[in-house]
């Protein structure tokens, strides 16, 4: 309500103004004698009362300033600016000499592994409070636990918890999780102590988190599963500590997570945990099991989130548009505003992956939730680049850059910059595209933005190739790879480009082998390494890579390569069939046409609508 809000802001503003005025020494300003006489005549308060009131207002202002400074530190921590947050608390500790500030600063330091700063804070605290209170004793205990080679048996845990309130207990349990993850041997030595404490404070999700993590780290399967079952009942929404626990379990000991879902009837849990069960099956590469389980869950709980998962699974199973749309429509029809936006964005991204940009636009029209407006704009720019050309995409990018939020649930400003580079490469005037990319590269170089710079160089290499400037193309790709040596896409682009140089064929092949090790499912990498095997005279080894690439992402260039390998292996009818299929595909057909010409193959003009 506006009046109430106005009142609160007015009081706050008054307090701040009071603090600023009296901090500047305004209380010591002397009044002119004549004015003083008039004021004294009409005063209802004594000089002493006025002086006390001024002091009180000054104190209020100082407290407000402290609160806002500390709030700024917490906000910085939430934004991932850990160094700023810790520096803020250390500054406030110096100013306030407050044990409460010291405790929070010490907790923050140890949670960030800033043990040198933690020790400084602890020693400062001891100076402030020579006779330690409960907070300092608690912090000292945690300090000994978290430093290497410290109190690994967690002696005194029960006493520390007994003297803490619930908020402090939550923090202690989470810091114990940190100790278990970072220090080898802690979980084995202290799992019994943590189990006793977790069962004593079984109403706290953080206690179950600690119990589960100690079980995972100690490879105590049944104890970890039992802790996860308690956690699932306490935290129905899967908050960050729970999510971290599940990720750790999946990475370190996936059998525990498997066992948890096998022993737990997720029909009785929240939809979020049901989603996690499906995601776990997908991560284990059991899509059919995931799909079957999802359908069972949907019978009992037709939830929007589960329908979104069903749409994703249907896409992974290469189901048709009618199946995907059916699930997405059900999610959209049943969901909240946020879920409707997520359902529509999910469907749009599925069709973007399939390069069906008309369907992308169809689903983007349904996105209205504010959480997804940036994502919608980014994907709309990608669709414009494919359907309408670079100029239209750049106009859309300009509109997206005017949005108040430059971060979405799925995409970031970096993603938008990549689409801008793609849009520039699609401009009909390649010189204009080159100028635009040169400007971007200059800005990124000055800013020291490594990954975006590598992406920009890779995009410019495509323009250089179109200009026939092979030397500059290779140079850009080599520079990009130096900037991001583990980037499989850039590695693939450079390796494939080197295949046409007989002197560097082996170098290109080695790059492609590394790219394949990094990303064996990438269709472009499979096409490149298959073609490399063929150029090295090994058509039989080339065939499975090229088949995989064409089956999963049919493109004219891949069809040209696969057909040529089949022809070399004596499968000429199959080769012609693949080349014929390519006649109905969209994409760059230059290499396909050149291949048909070399083999003297004349195909009839396609009589049906191009396949996308």
Foldseek 3Di string as FASTA:
>chain_A
DVVVVVVVVVVVVQLQVLQVCVVVVVVVDDDPPVVVVVCVVPDPDDPVVVVVVSVVSNVSNVVSVLVVLLVVLVVCVVVVNLVSNLVSLVVVCVVPVDLVSLLVSLLSCLVVVVLVVNVVSLVSNCVSPVPDDLSNVLSVLLNQLRDAPGDLQSPPVVVNCVPDDPVVVLSSLVSLLVSLVPYPPSLVNHLVVLVVVCVVPVLDLSSLLSNLSSCLSNVVQVSNLVSVVSNQVNDQQQPPSNVVSVVCCCVRPVVSVVVNPVPDDCLPGHVNVVVVVLVSCVVVVNLVVSLVSLVVSCVSPVELVSLLVNLVSCLVVVHDPVRNVVSLVSSLVPDDLVSVQVSLLSQLVSVVVVVNLVSNVVSLVRHDPPQCPLVSLLSVLLSCCVPPALVVSVVSLVVSVPDPDQDHPPDHVLSSVLSNLSSLLRDPPLVSSLVVLVVVLVVCVVVVPLQSNLSSLQSVLVSCVVVVNLVSSLVSLVVSCVSPVQPLVSLLVNLLSCCVPVVCLVVSLVSLVSSCVSPVLDLSSLLSNLLSCVSVPNLVVSQVSLVSSCVVRNELQSLLSNLVSCVVVVNNVVSVVSLQLNLQEDDDNPSSVVSCVVVVHDDDRDPDHRDD
